[in-house]
C-alpha atoms as a PDB file:
ATOM      1  CA  MET A   1      95.501  68.341 142.895  1.00  0.00           C
ATOM      2  CA  ASN A   2      98.294  66.481 141.074  1.00  0.00           C
ATOM      3  CA  GLN A   3      99.087  66.477 136.593  1.00  0.00           C
ATOM      4  CA  ASP A   4      97.785  63.069 136.746  1.00  0.00           C
ATOM      5  CA  SER A   5      94.274  63.911 138.773  1.00  0.00           C
ATOM      6  CA  LEU A   6      94.365  67.068 136.748  1.00  0.00           C
ATOM      7  CA  ASN A   7      94.328  65.098 133.755  1.00  0.00           C
ATOM      8  CA  VAL A   8      91.814  62.519 134.309  1.00  0.00           C
ATOM      9  CA  GLU A   9      89.405  65.209 136.115  1.00  0.00           C
ATOM     10  CA  ILE A  10      89.888  67.237 132.126  1.00  0.00           C
ATOM     11  CA  ASP A  11      89.040  64.237 130.283  1.00  0.00           C
ATOM     12  CA  ARG A  12      85.964  63.683 132.499  1.00  0.00           C
ATOM     13  CA  LEU A  13      85.041  67.409 131.997  1.00  0.00           C
ATOM     14  CA  VAL A  14      85.180  67.362 128.065  1.00  0.00           C
ATOM     15  CA  LYS A  15      83.409  64.011 127.761  1.00  0.00           C
ATOM     16  CA  GLU A  16      80.562  65.026 129.551  1.00  0.00           C
ATOM     17  CA  PHE A  17      80.362  67.988 127.460  1.00  0.00           C
ATOM     18  CA  GLY A  18      78.958  66.276 124.726  1.00  0.00           C
ATOM     19  CA  SER A  19      80.133  65.381 121.349  1.00  0.00           C
ATOM     20  CA  VAL A  20      83.647  66.518 120.960  1.00  0.00           C
ATOM     21  CA  HIS A  21      86.102  65.520 118.476  1.00  0.00           C
ATOM     22  CA  ASP A  22      89.945  65.213 118.239  1.00  0.00           C
ATOM     23  CA  LEU A  23      89.707  64.922 121.951  1.00  0.00           C
ATOM     24  CA  ASP A  24      93.335  65.339 122.754  1.00  0.00           C
ATOM     25  CA  TYR A  25      93.601  68.808 121.081  1.00  0.00           C
ATOM     26  CA  VAL A  26      90.418  69.839 123.152  1.00  0.00           C
ATOM     27  CA  ASN A  27      92.501  68.552 126.038  1.00  0.00           C
ATOM     28  CA  ASP A  28      95.527  70.633 125.692  1.00  0.00           C
ATOM     29  CA  LEU A  29      93.333  74.050 124.846  1.00  0.00           C
ATOM     30  CA  VAL A  30      91.406  72.887 128.841  1.00  0.00           C
ATOM     31  CA  ARG A  31      94.552  72.156 130.564  1.00  0.00           C
ATOM     32  CA  THR A  32      96.290  75.054 128.677  1.00  0.00           C
ATOM     33  CA  SER A  33      94.115  77.417 130.092  1.00  0.00           C
ATOM     34  CA  LEU A  34      94.121  76.565 133.201  1.00  0.00           C
ATOM     35  CA  GLN A  35      98.141  76.466 133.565  1.00  0.00           C
ATOM     36  CA  LEU A  36      97.572  80.137 132.639  1.00  0.00           C
ATOM     37  CA  GLY A  37      95.525  80.583 135.796  1.00  0.00           C
ATOM     38  CA  THR A  38      97.971  79.212 137.425  1.00  0.00           C
ATOM     39  CA  ASP A  39     101.239  80.619 136.613  1.00  0.00           C
ATOM     40  CA  GLN A  40     100.466  84.469 138.016  1.00  0.00           C
ATOM     41  CA  THR A  41     100.128  85.314 134.362  1.00  0.00           C
ATOM     42  CA  THR A  42      99.082  89.279 134.535  1.00  0.00           C
ATOM     43  CA  THR A  43      95.117  90.280 134.173  1.00  0.00           C
ATOM     44  CA  LEU A  44      96.123  91.657 130.399  1.00  0.00           C
ATOM     45  CA  ASP A  45      97.729  88.629 129.230  1.00  0.00           C
ATOM     46  CA  LEU A  46      94.828  86.829 130.287  1.00  0.00           C
ATOM     47  CA  LYS A  47      92.533  89.048 128.547  1.00  0.00           C
ATOM     48  CA  ILE A  48      95.002  89.000 125.442  1.00  0.00           C
ATOM     49  CA  ALA A  49      94.750  85.028 125.410  1.00  0.00           C
ATOM     50  CA  SER A  50      91.280  84.903 126.110  1.00  0.00           C
ATOM     51  CA  SER A  51      89.875  87.568 122.883  1.00  0.00           C
ATOM     52  CA  ALA A  52      92.233  85.870 120.733  1.00  0.00           C
ATOM     53  CA  LEU A  53      90.844  82.189 121.347  1.00  0.00           C
ATOM     54  CA  ARG A  54      87.092  82.993 121.391  1.00  0.00           C
ATOM     55  CA  GLU A  55      87.759  85.536 117.838  1.00  0.00           C
ATOM     56  CA  MET A  56      89.434  82.830 116.193  1.00  0.00           C
ATOM     57  CA  ARG A  57      86.925  80.530 117.071  1.00  0.00           C
ATOM     58  CA  ASP A  58      84.022  83.019 115.625  1.00  0.00           C
ATOM     59  CA  ALA A  59      86.115  82.981 112.558  1.00  0.00           C
ATOM     60  CA  PHE A  60      86.681  79.147 112.020  1.00  0.00           C
ATOM     61  CA  GLN A  61      82.849  78.847 112.895  1.00  0.00           C
ATOM     62  CA  MET A  62      82.539  82.289 110.047  1.00  0.00           C
ATOM     63  CA  PHE A  63      84.111  80.485 107.596  1.00  0.00           C
ATOM     64  CA  GLN A  64      83.271  76.541 108.414  1.00  0.00           C
ATOM     65  CA  PRO A  65      80.333  76.691 106.030  1.00  0.00           C
ATOM     66  CA  HIS A  66      83.012  77.681 103.137  1.00  0.00           C
ATOM     67  CA  ALA A  67      85.294  75.586 103.332  1.00  0.00           C
ATOM     68  CA  HIS A  68      84.812  73.643 100.280  1.00  0.00           C
ATOM     69  CA  ARG A  69      85.207  77.027  98.099  1.00  0.00           C
ATOM     70  CA  SER A  70      88.120  78.724  95.893  1.00  0.00           C
ATOM     71  CA  LYS A  71      88.606  81.843  98.078  1.00  0.00           C
ATOM     72  CA  VAL A  72      91.172  84.993  96.935  1.00  0.00           C
ATOM     73  CA  THR A  73      92.477  87.665  99.628  1.00  0.00           C
ATOM     74  CA  ILE A  74      92.597  91.286  98.392  1.00  0.00           C
ATOM     75  CA  PHE A  75      94.728  93.070 100.377  1.00  0.00           C
ATOM     76  CA  GLY A  76      95.160  97.549  99.571  1.00  0.00           C
ATOM     77  CA  SER A  77      94.334 100.544 101.146  1.00  0.00           C
ATOM     78  CA  ALA A  78      91.209 101.597 103.048  1.00  0.00           C
ATOM     79  CA  ARG A  79      92.360 105.367 101.919  1.00  0.00           C
ATOM     80  CA  THR A  80      91.928 104.677  98.286  1.00  0.00           C
ATOM     81  CA  LYS A  81      88.294 106.527  96.799  1.00  0.00           C
ATOM     82  CA  PRO A  82      85.781 105.574  94.492  1.00  0.00           C
ATOM     83  CA  HIS A  83      86.383 107.433  92.014  1.00  0.00           C
ATOM     84  CA  ASP A  84      90.511 106.341  92.236  1.00  0.00           C
ATOM     85  CA  PRO A  85      90.928 104.141  89.349  1.00  0.00           C
ATOM     86  CA  LEU A  86      92.566 101.624  91.717  1.00  0.00           C
ATOM     87  CA  TYR A  87      89.109 101.048  93.351  1.00  0.00           C
ATOM     88  CA  ASN A  88      87.612 100.258  89.450  1.00  0.00           C
ATOM     89  CA  HIS A  89      90.863  97.957  89.043  1.00  0.00           C
ATOM     90  CA  THR A  90      90.142  95.910  91.924  1.00  0.00           C
ATOM     91  CA  GLU A  91      86.063  95.503  91.104  1.00  0.00           C
ATOM     92  CA  ASN A  92      86.584  94.260  88.041  1.00  0.00           C
ATOM     93  CA  ILE A  93      89.753  91.890  89.383  1.00  0.00           C
ATOM     94  CA  ALA A  94      87.343  90.728  91.553  1.00  0.00           C
ATOM     95  CA  ARG A  95      83.972  90.517  89.222  1.00  0.00           C
ATOM     96  CA  GLU A  96      85.914  88.842  87.143  1.00  0.00           C
ATOM     97  CA  LEU A  97      87.020  85.433  89.605  1.00  0.00           C
ATOM     98  CA  ALA A  98      83.425  85.519  91.412  1.00  0.00           C
ATOM     99  CA  GLN A  99      82.335  84.659  87.932  1.00  0.00           C
ATOM    100  CA  ARG A 100      84.947  81.661  88.162  1.00  0.00           C
ATOM    101  CA  GLY A 101      83.096  80.333  90.863  1.00  0.00           C
ATOM    102  CA  TRP A 102      85.863  81.899  93.678  1.00  0.00           C
ATOM    103  CA  MET A 103      84.754  84.161  96.721  1.00  0.00           C
ATOM    104  CA  VAL A 104      86.577  87.315  97.797  1.00  0.00           C
ATOM    105  CA  VAL A 105      87.753  87.827 101.349  1.00  0.00           C
ATOM    106  CA  THR A 106      88.769  90.803 101.960  1.00  0.00           C
ATOM    107  CA  GLY A 107      89.433  92.600 105.522  1.00  0.00           C
ATOM    108  CA  ALA A 108      85.841  94.675 105.373  1.00  0.00           C
ATOM    109  CA  GLY A 109      87.127  97.817 105.714  1.00  0.00           C
ATOM    110  CA  PRO A 110      86.625 101.007 102.835  1.00  0.00           C
ATOM    111  CA  GLY A 111      88.584 101.572  99.927  1.00  0.00           C
ATOM    112  CA  ILE A 112      89.783  98.769  98.003  1.00  0.00           C
ATOM    113  CA  MET A 113      88.264  96.398 101.238  1.00  0.00           C
ATOM    114  CA  GLU A 114      84.934  97.573  99.359  1.00  0.00           C
ATOM    115  CA  ALA A 115      86.307  97.712  96.030  1.00  0.00           C
ATOM    116  CA  GLY A 116      86.698  94.102  96.211  1.00  0.00           C
ATOM    117  CA  MET A 117      83.190  93.180  97.391  1.00  0.00           C
ATOM    118  CA  SER A 118      81.779  95.678  94.995  1.00  0.00           C
ATOM    119  CA  GLY A 119      83.037  93.808  92.403  1.00  0.00           C
ATOM    120  CA  ALA A 120      82.177  90.048  94.150  1.00  0.00           C
ATOM    121  CA  GLY A 121      79.014  91.026  95.196  1.00  0.00           C
ATOM    122  CA  ARG A 122      77.753  90.718  99.000  1.00  0.00           C
ATOM    123  CA  SER A 123      77.068  86.970  98.020  1.00  0.00           C
ATOM    124  CA  GLN A 124      80.690  85.827  96.943  1.00  0.00           C
ATOM    125  CA  SER A 125      82.115  88.378  99.228  1.00  0.00           C
ATOM    126  CA  ILE A 126      83.938  87.378 103.289  1.00  0.00           C
ATOM    127  CA  GLY A 127      85.003  89.937 105.234  1.00  0.00           C
ATOM    128  CA  VAL A 128      87.245  90.091 108.353  1.00  0.00           C
ATOM    129  CA  SER A 129      87.181  93.435 109.958  1.00  0.00           C
ATOM    130  CA  ILE A 130      89.859  94.752 112.375  1.00  0.00           C
ATOM    131  CA  ARG A 131      87.937  97.049 115.412  1.00  0.00           C
ATOM    132  CA  LEU A 132      89.428 100.736 114.801  1.00  0.00           C
ATOM    133  CA  PRO A 133      88.488 103.897 116.951  1.00  0.00           C
ATOM    134  CA  PHE A 134      88.766 106.128 113.394  1.00  0.00           C
ATOM    135  CA  GLU A 135      87.055 103.423 110.995  1.00  0.00           C
ATOM    136  CA  SER A 136      83.762 101.971 111.072  1.00  0.00           C
ATOM    137  CA  SER A 137      83.033  98.285 111.763  1.00  0.00           C
ATOM    138  CA  ALA A 138      82.093  97.190 108.357  1.00  0.00           C
ATOM    139  CA  ASN A 139      81.452  98.263 104.644  1.00  0.00           C
ATOM    140  CA  PRO A 140      78.084  99.017 103.933  1.00  0.00           C
ATOM    141  CA  ILE A 141      78.391  95.871 101.804  1.00  0.00           C
ATOM    142  CA  ILE A 142      78.938  93.150 104.223  1.00  0.00           C
ATOM    143  CA  ALA A 143      77.807  94.622 107.366  1.00  0.00           C
ATOM    144  CA  GLY A 144      75.690  92.478 108.905  1.00  0.00           C
ATOM    145  CA  ASP A 145      76.161  89.441 107.058  1.00  0.00           C
ATOM    146  CA  ASP A 146      76.194  86.134 108.190  1.00  0.00           C
ATOM    147  CA  LYS A 147      79.814  86.074 106.171  1.00  0.00           C
ATOM    148  CA  PHE A 148      81.310  88.804 108.029  1.00  0.00           C
ATOM    149  CA  VAL A 149      83.617  88.826 111.458  1.00  0.00           C
ATOM    150  CA  SER A 150      85.266  91.228 113.554  1.00  0.00           C
ATOM    151  CA  MET A 151      88.401  90.931 115.270  1.00  0.00           C
ATOM    152  CA  ARG A 152      90.312  92.783 117.855  1.00  0.00           C
ATOM    153  CA  TYR A 153      93.493  91.805 117.613  1.00  0.00           C
ATOM    154  CA  PHE A 154      95.474  92.275 113.677  1.00  0.00           C
ATOM    155  CA  PHE A 155      97.173  88.695 114.214  1.00  0.00           C
ATOM    156  CA  THR A 156      94.464  87.123 114.727  1.00  0.00           C
ATOM    157  CA  ARG A 157      92.680  88.460 111.624  1.00  0.00           C
ATOM    158  CA  LYS A 158      95.901  88.140 109.276  1.00  0.00           C
ATOM    159  CA  LEU A 159      95.295  84.430 110.352  1.00  0.00           C
ATOM    160  CA  MET A 160      91.898  84.125 109.135  1.00  0.00           C
ATOM    161  CA  LEU A 161      92.974  86.651 105.898  1.00  0.00           C
ATOM    162  CA  VAL A 162      95.948  83.925 105.140  1.00  0.00           C
ATOM    163  CA  LYS A 163      94.877  80.645 106.155  1.00  0.00           C
ATOM    164  CA  GLU A 164      91.491  80.418 104.135  1.00  0.00           C
ATOM    165  CA  SER A 165      92.786  81.569 101.215  1.00  0.00           C
ATOM    166  CA  HIS A 166      93.952  80.091  98.043  1.00  0.00           C
ATOM    167  CA  ALA A 167      95.300  83.097  96.126  1.00  0.00           C
ATOM    168  CA  PHE A 168      96.047  86.528  96.989  1.00  0.00           C
ATOM    169  CA  ILE A 169      95.720  89.745  95.055  1.00  0.00           C
ATOM    170  CA  CYS A 170      97.639  93.027  96.989  1.00  0.00           C
ATOM    171  CA  MET A 171      96.946  96.085  95.203  1.00  0.00           C
ATOM    172  CA  PRO A 172      98.825  99.675  96.385  1.00  0.00           C
ATOM    173  CA  GLY A 173      98.476 100.430  99.482  1.00  0.00           C
ATOM    174  CA  GLY A 174     100.100 101.896 103.085  1.00  0.00           C
ATOM    175  CA  PHE A 175     102.244 100.638 105.586  1.00  0.00           C
ATOM    176  CA  GLY A 176      99.356  97.607 106.696  1.00  0.00           C
ATOM    177  CA  THR A 177      98.861  96.818 102.747  1.00  0.00           C
ATOM    178  CA  LEU A 178     102.994  96.473 102.790  1.00  0.00           C
ATOM    179  CA  ASP A 179     102.974  94.743 106.185  1.00  0.00           C
ATOM    180  CA  GLU A 180     100.389  91.796 104.568  1.00  0.00           C
ATOM    181  CA  THR A 181     101.979  91.488 101.521  1.00  0.00           C
ATOM    182  CA  PHE A 182     106.008  90.714 103.096  1.00  0.00           C
ATOM    183  CA  GLU A 183     104.251  88.466 105.932  1.00  0.00           C
ATOM    184  CA  LEU A 184     102.290  86.687 103.455  1.00  0.00           C
ATOM    185  CA  LEU A 185     105.884  86.355 101.249  1.00  0.00           C
ATOM    186  CA  THR A 186     107.814  85.483 104.236  1.00  0.00           C
ATOM    187  CA  LEU A 187     104.876  82.876 105.302  1.00  0.00           C
ATOM    188  CA  VAL A 188     105.064  80.914 101.847  1.00  0.00           C
ATOM    189  CA  GLN A 189     109.094  81.409 101.737  1.00  0.00           C
ATOM    190  CA  THR A 190     109.678  79.449 104.871  1.00  0.00           C
ATOM    191  CA  GLY A 191     106.836  77.059 103.813  1.00  0.00           C
ATOM    192  CA  LYS A 192     104.699  77.922 106.907  1.00  0.00           C
ATOM    193  CA  SER A 193     101.980  78.882 104.662  1.00  0.00           C
ATOM    194  CA  ALA A 194     101.521  76.050 101.800  1.00  0.00           C
ATOM    195  CA  PRO A 195     102.145  77.687  98.160  1.00  0.00           C
ATOM    196  CA  THR A 196      99.516  79.667  96.769  1.00  0.00           C
ATOM    197  CA  PRO A 197      99.718  82.456  93.914  1.00  0.00           C
ATOM    198  CA  ILE A 198     100.610  86.208  94.603  1.00  0.00           C
ATOM    199  CA  VAL A 199      99.541  88.876  92.397  1.00  0.00           C
ATOM    200  CA  MET A 200     100.851  92.186  92.998  1.00  0.00           C
ATOM    201  CA  LEU A 201      98.390  94.327  91.008  1.00  0.00           C
ATOM    202  CA  ASP A 202      99.203  97.725  89.509  1.00  0.00           C
ATOM    203  CA  LEU A 203      97.817  99.872  87.234  1.00  0.00           C
ATOM    204  CA  PRO A 204      98.414  99.543  83.219  1.00  0.00           C
ATOM    205  CA  GLY A 205     101.565 102.396  83.370  1.00  0.00           C
ATOM    206  CA  ASP A 206     101.671 102.591  86.779  1.00  0.00           C
ATOM    207  CA  ASP A 207     104.714 101.276  88.675  1.00  0.00           C
ATOM    208  CA  PHE A 208     103.850 101.124  92.422  1.00  0.00           C
ATOM    209  CA  TRP A 209     104.884  97.179  92.732  1.00  0.00           C
ATOM    210  CA  HIS A 210     107.395  97.570  90.060  1.00  0.00           C
ATOM    211  CA  SER A 211     109.195 100.070  92.072  1.00  0.00           C
ATOM    212  CA  ILE A 212     108.866  97.729  95.607  1.00  0.00           C
ATOM    213  CA  ASP A 213     110.137  94.570  93.057  1.00  0.00           C
ATOM    214  CA  ASP A 214     112.775  96.593  92.236  1.00  0.00           C
ATOM    215  CA  VAL A 215     113.568  97.369  95.685  1.00  0.00           C
ATOM    216  CA  VAL A 216     113.902  93.555  96.330  1.00  0.00           C
ATOM    217  CA  GLN A 217     115.672  92.616  92.745  1.00  0.00           C
ATOM    218  CA  LYS A 218     118.335  96.020  93.307  1.00  0.00           C
ATOM    219  CA  GLN A 219     118.525  96.048  96.834  1.00  0.00           C
ATOM    220  CA  MET A 220     118.017  92.670  98.551  1.00  0.00           C
ATOM    221  CA  LEU A 221     118.699  90.688  95.936  1.00  0.00           C
ATOM    222  CA  LYS A 222     122.325  91.801  94.981  1.00  0.00           C
ATOM    223  CA  ARG A 223     122.840  91.548  98.748  1.00  0.00           C
ATOM    224  CA  SER A 224     121.496  88.081  98.917  1.00  0.00           C
ATOM    225  CA  LEU A 225     118.973  88.874 101.656  1.00  0.00           C
ATOM    226  CA  VAL A 226     116.595  86.825  99.540  1.00  0.00           C
ATOM    227  CA  SER A 227     117.554  83.855  96.813  1.00  0.00           C
ATOM    228  CA  PRO A 228     116.645  84.160  93.054  1.00  0.00           C
ATOM    229  CA  GLU A 229     114.326  81.381  93.682  1.00  0.00           C
ATOM    230  CA  ASP A 230     112.330  83.797  96.170  1.00  0.00           C
ATOM    231  CA  LEU A 231     111.182  85.932  92.937  1.00  0.00           C
ATOM    232  CA  ASP A 232     109.261  82.838  91.442  1.00  0.00           C
ATOM    233  CA  LEU A 233     106.899  83.557  94.966  1.00  0.00           C
ATOM    234  CA  TYR A 234     105.034  86.166  93.792  1.00  0.00           C
ATOM    235  CA  ARG A 235     104.111  87.917  89.752  1.00  0.00           C
ATOM    236  CA  VAL A 236     103.658  91.927  89.596  1.00  0.00           C
ATOM    237  CA  CYS A 237     100.855  92.323  86.971  1.00  0.00           C
ATOM    238  CA  GLU A 238      98.964  95.300  85.473  1.00  0.00           C
ATOM    239  CA  THR A 239      95.878  93.612  83.660  1.00  0.00           C
ATOM    240  CA  ILE A 240      92.930  91.297  84.535  1.00  0.00           C
ATOM    241  CA  GLU A 241      93.677  89.400  82.264  1.00  0.00           C
ATOM    242  CA  ASP A 242      97.338  88.140  83.689  1.00  0.00           C
ATOM    243  CA  ALA A 243      96.465  88.232  86.787  1.00  0.00           C
ATOM    244  CA  VAL A 244      93.375  85.768  86.523  1.00  0.00           C
ATOM    245  CA  SER A 245      95.768  83.552  84.545  1.00  0.00           C
ATOM    246  CA  GLU A 246      98.636  83.673  87.246  1.00  0.00           C
ATOM    247  CA  ILE A 247      95.704  82.519  89.889  1.00  0.00           C
ATOM    248  CA  THR A 248      93.765  80.340  87.521  1.00  0.00           C
ATOM    249  CA  LEU A 249      96.611  78.542  86.478  1.00  0.00           C
ATOM    250  CA  PHE A 250      98.422  77.562  89.705  1.00  0.00           C
ATOM    251  CA  TYR A 251      95.638  75.104  89.695  1.00  0.00           C
ATOM    252  CA  ARG A 252      95.223  73.928  86.226  1.00  0.00           C
ATOM    253  CA  ASN A 253      97.178  70.678  87.322  1.00  0.00           C
ATOM    254  CA  TYR A 254      98.786  71.726  91.225  1.00  0.00           C
ATOM    255  CA  HIS A 255      96.298  70.932  93.829  1.00  0.00           C
ATOM    256  CA  SER A 256      98.055  70.375  97.129  1.00  0.00           C
ATOM    257  CA  ILE A 257     100.559  69.430  99.114  1.00  0.00           C
ATOM    258  CA  ARG A 258     101.272  67.346 102.534  1.00  0.00           C
ATOM    259  CA  PHE A 259     104.017  66.630 104.457  1.00  0.00           C
ATOM    260  CA  VAL A 260     103.800  62.712 105.289  1.00  0.00           C
ATOM    261  CA  GLY A 261     106.486  61.204 107.229  1.00  0.00           C
ATOM    262  CA  LYS A 262     109.855  62.646 105.832  1.00  0.00           C
ATOM    263  CA  HIS A 263     108.343  63.030 101.891  1.00  0.00           C
ATOM    264  CA  LEU A 264     106.500  65.324 100.467  1.00  0.00           C
ATOM    265  CA  VAL A 265     103.658  64.566  98.861  1.00  0.00           C
ATOM    266  CA  VAL A 266     102.207  66.563  95.911  1.00  0.00           C
ATOM    267  CA  ARG A 267      98.828  66.365  94.648  1.00  0.00           C
ATOM    268  CA  LEU A 268      97.503  66.535  91.384  1.00  0.00           C
ATOM    269  CA  GLN A 269      95.005  66.633  89.144  1.00  0.00           C
ATOM    270  CA  LEU A 270      96.603  64.582  86.277  1.00  0.00           C
ATOM    271  CA  PRO A 271      98.683  60.935  86.758  1.00  0.00           C
ATOM    272  CA  PRO A 272     101.978  62.473  85.929  1.00  0.00           C
ATOM    273  CA  THR A 273     103.827  60.031  83.240  1.00  0.00           C
ATOM    274  CA  GLU A 274     107.038  58.494  83.481  1.00  0.00           C
ATOM    275  CA  LEU A 275     108.214  61.136  81.015  1.00  0.00           C
ATOM    276  CA  LEU A 276     107.317  63.557  83.563  1.00  0.00           C
ATOM    277  CA  LEU A 277     108.939  61.770  86.552  1.00  0.00           C
ATOM    278  CA  GLU A 278     112.382  61.840  84.449  1.00  0.00           C
ATOM    279  CA  GLU A 279     112.053  65.669  83.636  1.00  0.00           C
ATOM    280  CA  LEU A 280     111.142  66.182  87.735  1.00  0.00           C
ATOM    281  CA  ASN A 281     114.129  64.370  88.759  1.00  0.00           C
ATOM    282  CA  ALA A 282     116.813  66.176  85.652  1.00  0.00           C
ATOM    283  CA  GLU A 283     115.438  69.453  86.582  1.00  0.00           C
ATOM    284  CA  PHE A 284     114.395  69.372  90.207  1.00  0.00           C
ATOM    285  CA  GLY A 285     116.783  66.533  91.979  1.00  0.00           C
ATOM    286  CA  TYR A 286     118.020  69.444  94.055  1.00  0.00           C
ATOM    287  CA  LEU A 287     115.291  69.923  95.835  1.00  0.00           C
ATOM    288  CA  CYS A 288     115.469  66.216  96.749  1.00  0.00           C
ATOM    289  CA  LYS A 289     117.307  65.742  99.881  1.00  0.00           C
ATOM    290  CA  ALA A 290     117.307  61.759  99.315  1.00  0.00           C
ATOM    291  CA  GLY A 291     116.126  59.430  96.867  1.00  0.00           C
ATOM    292  CA  SER A 292     113.696  60.589  93.613  1.00  0.00           C
ATOM    293  CA  PHE A 293     110.741  61.744  92.651  1.00  0.00           C
ATOM    294  CA  GLU A 294     107.888  58.808  92.582  1.00  0.00           C
ATOM    295  CA  ARG A 295     104.197  58.374  91.773  1.00  0.00           C
ATOM    296  CA  ILE A 296     102.548  57.195  94.456  1.00  0.00           C
ATOM    297  CA  SER A 297      98.835  55.861  95.713  1.00  0.00           C
ATOM    298  CA  ALA A 298      97.420  57.954  98.403  1.00  0.00           C
ATOM    299  CA  THR A 299      98.976  57.467 102.348  1.00  0.00           C
ATOM    300  CA  PRO A 300      97.677  55.489 104.890  1.00  0.00           C
ATOM    301  CA  SER A 301      97.937  59.126 106.892  1.00  0.00           C
ATOM    302  CA  GLU A 302      95.675  60.369 103.778  1.00  0.00           C
ATOM    303  CA  ILE A 303      93.221  57.583 103.349  1.00  0.00           C
ATOM    304  CA  SER A 304      92.603  57.500 107.552  1.00  0.00           C
ATOM    305  CA  ASP A 305      91.643  61.776 107.368  1.00  0.00           C
ATOM    306  CA  ASN A 306      89.794  61.008 103.656  1.00  0.00           C
ATOM    307  CA  ASP A 307      92.404  63.754 102.249  1.00  0.00           C
ATOM    308  CA  HIS A 308      91.532  64.143  99.002  1.00  0.00           C
ATOM    309  CA  LEU A 309      91.894  60.656  97.672  1.00  0.00           C
ATOM    310  CA  ASP A 310      90.589  61.172  94.146  1.00  0.00           C
ATOM    311  CA  LYS A 311      94.028  63.176  93.373  1.00  0.00           C
ATOM    312  CA  PHE A 312      97.100  61.630  91.498  1.00  0.00           C
ATOM    313  CA  ARG A 313     100.382  61.910  93.743  1.00  0.00           C
ATOM    314  CA  ILE A 314     104.384  62.293  93.303  1.00  0.00           C
ATOM    315  CA  ARG A 315     106.038  62.156  96.709  1.00  0.00           C
ATOM    316  CA  PHE A 316     109.989  63.227  97.191  1.00  0.00           C
ATOM    317  CA  GLU A 317     112.039  64.203 100.519  1.00  0.00           C
ATOM    318  CA  PHE A 318     111.929  67.744 100.368  1.00  0.00           C
ATOM    319  CA  VAL A 319     115.264  69.440 101.502  1.00  0.00           C
ATOM    320  CA  ARG A 320     112.710  72.096 102.899  1.00  0.00           C
ATOM    321  CA  ASP A 321     114.881  75.159 102.422  1.00  0.00           C
ATOM    322  CA  ASP A 322     113.831  76.123  98.978  1.00  0.00           C
ATOM    323  CA  PHE A 323     110.216  77.120  98.808  1.00  0.00           C
ATOM    324  CA  GLY A 324     111.292  78.700  96.001  1.00  0.00           C
ATOM    325  CA  GLY A 325     112.777  75.992  93.972  1.00  0.00           C
ATOM    326  CA  LEU A 326     109.190  74.295  95.187  1.00  0.00           C
ATOM    327  CA  ARG A 327     107.243  76.817  93.287  1.00  0.00           C
ATOM    328  CA  ARG A 328     109.392  76.632  90.492  1.00  0.00           C
ATOM    329  CA  LEU A 329     108.755  72.690  90.437  1.00  0.00           C
ATOM    330  CA  ILE A 330     104.795  73.526  90.801  1.00  0.00           C
ATOM    331  CA  ASN A 331     104.998  75.450  87.744  1.00  0.00           C
ATOM    332  CA  LYS A 332     106.444  73.006  85.448  1.00  0.00           C
ATOM    333  CA  LEU A 333     103.756  70.562  86.648  1.00  0.00           C
ATOM    334  CA  ASN A 334     100.935  73.159  85.583  1.00  0.00           C
ATOM    335  CA  GLN A 335     102.892  73.656  82.675  1.00  0.00           C
ATOM    336  CA  ALA A 336     102.776  69.751  82.076  1.00  0.00           C
ATOM    337  CA  ALA A 337      99.096  69.527  81.887  1.00  0.00           C
ATOM    338  CA  THR A 338      99.482  72.436  79.220  1.00  0.00           C
ATOM    339  CA  GLU A 339     101.601  70.252  76.839  1.00  0.00           C
ATOM    340  CA  PRO A 340     100.633  67.268  74.465  1.00  0.00           C
ATOM    341  CA  GLN A 341     101.481  63.845  76.002  1.00  0.00           C
END
């Protein structure tokens, strides 16, 4: 069967299947799957592709009913015991955010993951576990809940732990926690993930994250392996109050971003004033590849997608290589919401 005939047959099959939206993407999924089968792909590689796609579908379905809810992912060690002060610290931050309407997402395991769910409560918890030979599928708080999904692969699990959340709390942990934390920082630093508040939470007087922050500043920054702006992508906190403030104030005025053509559209809760636009152009003009910051209405693409049409907007032609600077811009926008107009 030639390519044209294959495309026609795939179109027919997809349409016969029933109510399918985004036909182009569904057709592409079917086409790619068939091509894997004709590319002399090994059995192992086919198993990986099949399992990854299937468990992503399971996770998408699980998260979908909660798409409108604010969610915070908590990373941390599975080895932390209930008598450890870190366990209680995690419970407290999760409880405080849950009381403010946030859902808590964790890896569904023991330790810090269980502490987060204990603080938030089962009804406010979402679990994305990894199947390991030495660890049970899920902690008793979330096991059997319809807001729990089990994953075979770390990469699909990390995708769901990052993609669905609007804030992140990193508690002290081992290799896995550091892997999750630094991958998260890399995704935000490179623009592969939207700007979000990232809190590294220590116990009062402890220096776990302060020590790692020292390495970032005294080794990475000193050697120009990161930029000064990258340090604004995260904040080390010790108290529950500071951590909650870092997360909630991030969304005081800022809402979300979207690239539309060559422009970055920043959606806001409050209308940007002329004075604010002047200040942005004076302080953050270096983020503009060309032109300047300007106030706009919803773009045709956003209107077509019904994409947060109730929000106010500014746009600019972003340089796309300074997401630390973008975080500073967001801080400025949030600061403006607290200042008298």
